[in-house]
Each structure stands twice: as C-alpha cells, then as structure tokens.
Amino acid sequence: MTMRAARWHGKKDIRIEEIDSPTAGPGQVLVDVAWCGICDTDLHEYLEGPIFIPPAGHPHPISGDAAPVTLGHEMSGTVAALGEGVTDLEVGQKVVVEPYIVREEDRDRPDYNLAPDMNFIGLGGDGGGLAEQIAVRRRWVHPVADSVPLDQAALIEPLSVAHHAWVRAGSPTSGVALIGGAGPIGALTAVVAAGLAWVLGSSLIYTVGAFCWFWLSVRLNRLRTAPGAGNPKVTLGLAVFCTVCFIAIAGLMGAKPV
C-alpha cells in the first residue's frame, strides 16, 4: 500500500510523492490524517532550510531519519488501527498528535520539551501530518471529544503554545498583557488570555503590540523585493527600532516577559 505525502527534499524543494503507507507497530497508533496546519516553521524550512530537518546523509540521532522527510506537525485525525498493547483507544476515535521526538527515557520528565536532541514529528522524521496516514507512539496521541470538529482540533498544537505562555505567566485571572505578534500564535494567545478573563482592555493592548510587529513584517518583506534589497544595516535598523518601540510600550503597561 502507498499513500501521498508532502516531502521536503531541500530548500525550495517540496514534492508530493507516493510513499509506503505506515503500519501500527507495537505501542503505536495509526492515524488517518484529516487536517494539518502549515506552521511558520514549515515555511522557514521551505525558504531557508534545513533548520530542524536533518540533512541528507546526517540522520537524526533519535528518529534515524534524514531528508527527504514528510512535513506537518499540527494535525488531527481519526484512529485507523491500534498496535499491540494499545487498549485505551478505539478505531474511529478523534485524536490529535503531540509531535515530539525524544528518547524513551526522557518521555516522562517534566521538561521533555528540553530533552537532549529533541526534535519534532514532521520535521525531524517519524512521518508527518502532510500525508494520508501517520503511525505514532501512543504517548503522543491525545483523544479529543466527538463534539470538536477536526479542522478546529488541528489548532490544538499551536493553541497549546499560547496556553503554555499563560501558565508561564503564573495562570493569572486579572491584569494586563502585551502580546507582541499578529500571527496565529499571537492571535491564539490573545484568545486564551481573553477567554480566561486575564486581559483588561485587551483589544487596544493587543492591537498596539500586534501592529508594531505587523509593520515590521511588511517593511522587511518590501525590503526583500526593493532595489538594493538585502542591505543588512537597513534590516537591522528596522528590527532594532521596532523592538525598542515594543519594549517601551511593554514598560509603560507594566508588562513582564514570559
């Protein structure tokens, strides 16, 4: 059996290919992928990689994989099959994947995200969500309620980043937050903060921080296509100016970094 997958071969070289379909080995769950987001990390790998992706000839020390690799780490789907020893899930059940690659001895440590040689499924190997199926260790497969649409479930991975920021801030229920970023993570952080009754006047504060970085992104993108593009002094100057503005706003608001 074969399946289609989006495979990273090199910088600006991603191909839709037919590859062997995975099977659920012992302790694994085979997932029919329903939805998979495209993270900014994936875009950076396409434009500038390899970054997290192990280059051809240099396999990752845990996964053993090297380019070409299947992309995608923000995924949702349904259980297609259960490997030997997996008894607490059911075929057809909705699930999401926590896309970590860590050694077996590091999987239960509190800071497994900081484990040596840590990487991510869909970047460092072990399959990826931009394929029809993926086989994942049970440890990284999380069931979701039947009431949650699978397109929304695919946002749980980036949503967890926003929730982690709230936890790092001490799980506050009141106060002021200044969120620097207008992308998906910034937007989800604002949603988490507002949903938990954390931000007072969140629309104004979020917009100020977001506009600052949105403006920088627009200017940098224009620089890339303008005559004489690539002047490092101009690029650095814009970045420093915008960072100073953001820090000044944060100071005025009494915000603390997390």
Protein backbone atom coordinates (compact mmCIF):
# COMPACT_ATOMS: atom_id res chain seq x y z
CA MET A 1 0.00 0.00 0.00
CA THR A 2 1.15 3.51 -0.78
CA MET A 3 -0.04 7.00 0.10
CA ARG A 4 0.62 10.58 -0.91
CA ALA A 5 2.83 12.82 1.21
CA ALA A 6 4.43 16.29 1.02
CA ARG A 7 8.16 15.62 1.28
CA TRP A 8 10.96 18.12 1.93
CA HIS A 9 13.94 17.36 -0.27
CA GLY A 10 15.81 20.63 0.09
CA LYS A 11 15.50 24.39 0.19
CA LYS A 12 12.52 25.41 -2.01
CA ASP A 13 12.10 21.77 -3.00
CA ILE A 14 8.93 20.13 -1.61
CA ARG A 15 7.36 17.32 -3.64
CA ILE A 16 4.08 15.42 -3.47
CA GLU A 17 5.20 11.80 -3.66
CA GLU A 18 3.85 8.28 -3.36
CA ILE A 19 5.49 6.55 -0.39
CA ASP A 20 4.84 3.37 1.57
CA SER A 21 1.88 3.59 3.93
CA PRO A 22 2.81 3.16 7.61
CA THR A 23 1.51 0.43 9.89
CA ALA A 24 0.88 0.48 13.61
CA GLY A 25 3.75 -1.27 15.36
CA PRO A 26 3.71 -2.36 19.00
CA GLY A 27 2.68 0.56 21.22
CA GLN A 28 1.73 2.69 18.21
CA VAL A 29 -1.45 4.23 16.84
CA LEU A 30 -2.14 4.51 13.12
CA VAL A 31 -3.94 7.78 12.37
CA ASP A 32 -5.90 8.76 9.27
CA VAL A 33 -4.93 12.42 8.98
CA ALA A 34 -7.91 14.72 8.48
CA TRP A 35 -6.37 18.18 8.80
CA CYS A 36 -2.83 19.53 9.10
CA GLY A 37 -1.77 23.13 9.55
CA ILE A 38 1.19 24.76 7.84
CA CYS A 39 3.36 26.28 10.56
CA ASP A 40 5.70 29.21 10.04
CA THR A 41 8.44 26.71 10.85
CA ASP A 42 7.44 24.76 7.73
CA LEU A 43 7.66 27.97 5.69
CA HIS A 44 11.13 28.70 7.08
CA GLU A 45 12.22 25.16 6.19
CA TYR A 46 10.98 25.72 2.63
CA LEU A 47 12.61 29.13 2.23
CA GLU A 48 15.77 28.72 4.31
CA GLY A 49 16.13 25.09 5.42
CA PRO A 50 17.36 22.78 6.60
CA ILE A 51 16.84 24.10 10.13
CA PHE A 52 15.18 21.36 12.20
CA ILE A 53 15.21 18.91 9.30
CA PRO A 54 18.25 16.60 9.35
CA PRO A 55 20.07 16.98 6.02
CA ALA A 56 20.53 14.03 3.69
CA GLY A 57 23.34 11.85 4.96
CA HIS A 58 23.00 13.13 8.53
CA PRO A 59 20.17 11.16 10.19
CA HIS A 60 18.59 12.43 13.37
CA PRO A 61 20.06 10.59 16.38
CA ILE A 62 16.63 9.53 17.69
CA SER A 63 14.37 9.07 14.66
CA GLY A 64 17.17 7.85 12.40
CA ASP A 65 15.61 9.82 9.54
CA ALA A 66 17.17 12.35 7.20
CA ALA A 67 15.93 14.33 4.20
CA PRO A 68 13.72 13.72 2.38
CA VAL A 69 11.18 13.84 5.22
CA THR A 70 7.41 14.24 5.37
CA LEU A 71 6.34 17.65 6.69
CA GLY A 72 3.50 18.63 9.04
CA HIS A 73 3.22 18.72 12.83
CA GLU A 74 -0.15 20.43 13.52
CA MET A 75 -2.50 17.55 12.79
CA SER A 76 -5.80 15.95 13.68
CA GLY A 77 -7.44 12.77 12.50
CA THR A 78 -9.10 9.52 13.46
CA VAL A 79 -7.67 6.24 14.70
CA ALA A 80 -7.26 3.79 11.82
CA ALA A 81 -5.60 0.91 13.69
CA LEU A 82 -4.08 0.09 17.06
CA GLY A 83 -0.74 -1.58 17.56
CA GLU A 84 -0.10 -4.38 20.01
CA GLY A 85 -0.53 -3.25 23.61
CA VAL A 86 -2.70 -0.20 22.89
CA THR A 87 -6.07 -0.82 24.53
CA ASP A 88 -7.32 2.60 25.67
CA LEU A 89 -8.31 4.00 22.26
CA GLU A 90 -10.84 2.89 19.67
CA VAL A 91 -10.75 2.73 15.88
CA GLY A 92 -12.58 5.77 14.52
CA GLN A 93 -11.89 7.89 17.60
CA LYS A 94 -10.88 11.53 17.04
CA VAL A 95 -7.32 12.32 18.07
CA VAL A 96 -4.55 14.89 17.80
CA VAL A 97 -0.81 14.30 17.83
CA GLU A 98 1.69 15.92 20.20
CA PRO A 99 4.58 15.98 17.75
CA TYR A 100 7.66 15.28 19.86
CA ILE A 101 10.69 13.18 19.08
CA VAL A 102 12.54 12.41 22.33
CA ARG A 103 14.35 9.40 23.73
CA GLU A 104 12.31 6.82 25.63
CA GLU A 105 14.00 7.65 28.93
CA ASP A 106 13.08 11.34 28.55
CA ARG A 107 9.39 10.95 27.70
CA ASP A 108 8.07 11.27 31.25
CA ARG A 109 10.36 14.00 32.56
CA PRO A 110 8.54 17.30 33.29
CA ASP A 111 10.67 19.24 30.80
CA TYR A 112 10.75 16.66 28.00
CA ASN A 113 10.48 19.57 25.57
CA LEU A 114 14.05 20.44 26.58
CA ALA A 115 15.42 16.90 26.36
CA PRO A 116 18.74 16.35 24.54
CA ASP A 117 18.39 16.02 20.75
CA MET A 118 14.65 16.78 20.96
CA ASN A 119 13.01 17.35 17.60
CA PHE A 120 9.51 17.26 16.12
CA ILE A 121 7.48 14.76 14.16
CA GLY A 122 7.07 16.28 10.70
CA LEU A 123 10.48 17.95 10.86
CA GLY A 124 12.96 15.53 12.38
CA GLY A 125 11.35 12.46 10.82
CA ASP A 126 8.92 9.82 12.14
CA GLY A 127 6.40 10.70 9.44
CA GLY A 128 4.36 13.87 9.23
CA GLY A 129 0.86 15.28 9.09
CA LEU A 130 1.07 16.31 5.44
CA ALA A 131 0.40 12.72 4.48
CA GLU A 132 -2.64 10.49 4.36
CA GLN A 133 -1.60 8.48 7.42
CA ILE A 134 0.93 8.53 10.24
CA ALA A 135 1.96 5.94 12.85
CA VAL A 136 2.71 7.50 16.24
CA ARG A 137 3.62 6.14 19.66
CA ARG A 138 0.62 6.06 21.99
CA ARG A 139 2.39 8.51 24.33
CA TRP A 140 1.93 11.31 21.80
CA VAL A 141 -1.66 10.61 20.72
CA HIS A 142 -4.40 12.51 22.58
CA PRO A 143 -8.13 11.82 22.18
CA VAL A 144 -10.49 14.74 21.63
CA ALA A 145 -14.23 14.95 22.20
CA ASP A 146 -16.57 13.91 19.40
CA SER A 147 -18.10 17.39 19.59
CA VAL A 148 -14.83 19.04 18.45
CA PRO A 149 -14.62 19.41 14.65
CA LEU A 150 -11.36 18.01 13.30
CA ASP A 151 -10.46 21.23 11.49
CA GLN A 152 -10.55 23.00 14.86
CA ALA A 153 -8.74 20.13 16.56
CA ALA A 154 -5.76 20.71 14.27
CA LEU A 155 -5.30 24.05 16.05
CA ILE A 156 -4.73 22.38 19.42
CA GLU A 157 -0.96 22.16 18.87
CA PRO A 158 -0.44 25.92 18.29
CA LEU A 159 -3.12 26.64 20.91
CA SER A 160 -1.03 24.74 23.44
CA VAL A 161 1.81 27.21 22.83
CA ALA A 162 -0.50 30.07 23.81
CA HIS A 163 -1.76 28.20 26.86
CA HIS A 164 1.85 27.48 27.89
CA ALA A 165 2.55 31.22 27.86
CA TRP A 166 -0.42 31.76 30.19
CA VAL A 167 0.86 29.05 32.53
CA ARG A 168 4.39 30.53 32.45
CA ALA A 169 2.84 33.86 33.47
CA GLY A 170 1.50 32.24 36.64
CA SER A 171 -2.00 31.43 35.32
CA PRO A 172 -3.34 34.92 36.18
CA THR A 173 -7.03 35.76 36.05
CA SER A 174 -6.64 39.54 36.01
CA GLY A 175 -4.13 42.11 34.87
CA VAL A 176 -2.71 43.42 31.60
CA ALA A 177 -0.99 41.50 28.80
CA LEU A 178 1.01 42.96 25.92
CA ILE A 179 1.21 40.42 23.10
CA GLY A 180 3.90 41.03 20.50
CA GLY A 181 2.83 39.36 17.29
CA ALA A 182 -0.08 39.35 14.85
CA GLY A 183 0.39 35.81 13.58
CA PRO A 184 -1.51 32.68 14.62
CA ILE A 185 0.36 32.26 17.92
CA GLY A 186 -0.18 35.90 18.87
CA ALA A 187 -3.85 35.71 17.95
CA LEU A 188 -4.33 32.47 19.89
CA THR A 189 -2.53 33.95 22.90
CA ALA A 190 -4.98 36.84 22.87
CA VAL A 191 -7.88 34.37 22.66
CA VAL A 192 -6.54 32.35 25.59
CA ALA A 193 -5.97 35.47 27.66
CA ALA A 194 -9.39 36.92 26.91
CA GLY A 195 -11.11 33.59 27.39
CA LEU A 196 -9.56 33.26 30.84
CA ALA A 197 -10.59 36.78 31.84
CA TRP A 198 -6.94 37.80 32.04
CA VAL A 199 -6.67 40.84 29.80
CA LEU A 200 -8.34 44.12 30.73
CA GLY A 201 -8.79 46.29 27.63
CA SER A 202 -7.20 43.51 25.61
CA SER A 203 -8.27 44.82 22.20
CA LEU A 204 -6.27 48.05 22.49
CA ILE A 205 -3.25 46.49 24.13
CA TYR A 206 -3.10 43.56 21.75
CA THR A 207 -3.56 45.79 18.71
CA VAL A 208 -0.68 48.08 19.71
CA GLY A 209 1.73 45.18 20.13
CA ALA A 210 0.49 43.34 17.06
CA PHE A 211 0.62 46.42 14.79
CA CYS A 212 4.21 47.06 15.82
CA TRP A 213 5.30 43.64 14.59
CA PHE A 214 2.95 43.60 11.60
CA TRP A 215 4.50 46.88 10.44
CA LEU A 216 7.97 45.39 10.79
CA SER A 217 6.96 42.31 8.78
CA VAL A 218 5.56 44.45 5.97
CA ARG A 219 8.66 46.63 5.85
CA LEU A 220 11.01 43.64 5.81
CA ASN A 221 9.02 41.94 3.06
CA ARG A 222 9.17 45.10 0.96
CA LEU A 223 12.90 45.30 1.55
CA ARG A 224 13.34 41.81 0.14
CA THR A 225 11.89 42.89 -3.23
CA ALA A 226 13.02 46.52 -3.38
CA PRO A 227 16.02 47.71 -5.43
CA GLY A 228 19.16 47.17 -3.37
CA ALA A 229 17.35 44.63 -1.18
CA GLY A 230 19.39 42.78 1.38
CA ASN A 231 21.14 45.76 2.97
CA PRO A 232 21.84 44.32 6.45
CA LYS A 233 22.20 47.76 8.05
CA VAL A 234 18.70 48.81 6.96
CA THR A 235 17.16 45.50 8.02
CA LEU A 236 18.91 45.59 11.39
CA GLY A 237 17.88 49.21 11.90
CA LEU A 238 14.21 48.43 11.35
CA ALA A 239 14.37 45.45 13.68
CA VAL A 240 16.07 47.45 16.44
CA PHE A 241 13.64 50.36 16.06
CA CYS A 242 10.58 48.12 16.26
CA THR A 243 11.99 46.16 19.20
CA VAL A 244 12.69 49.37 21.13
CA CYS A 245 9.14 50.56 20.47
CA PHE A 246 7.71 47.29 21.69
CA ILE A 247 9.86 47.28 24.86
CA ALA A 248 8.84 50.87 25.57
CA ILE A 249 5.15 50.01 25.26
CA ALA A 250 5.62 46.96 27.46
CA GLY A 251 7.34 49.11 30.09
CA LEU A 252 4.54 51.66 30.07
CA MET A 253 1.99 48.89 30.51
CA GLY A 254 3.96 47.26 33.30
CA ALA A 255 4.16 44.00 31.36
CA LYS A 256 6.57 41.25 32.37
CA PRO A 257 8.11 38.87 29.81
CA VAL A 258 7.21 35.17 30.00
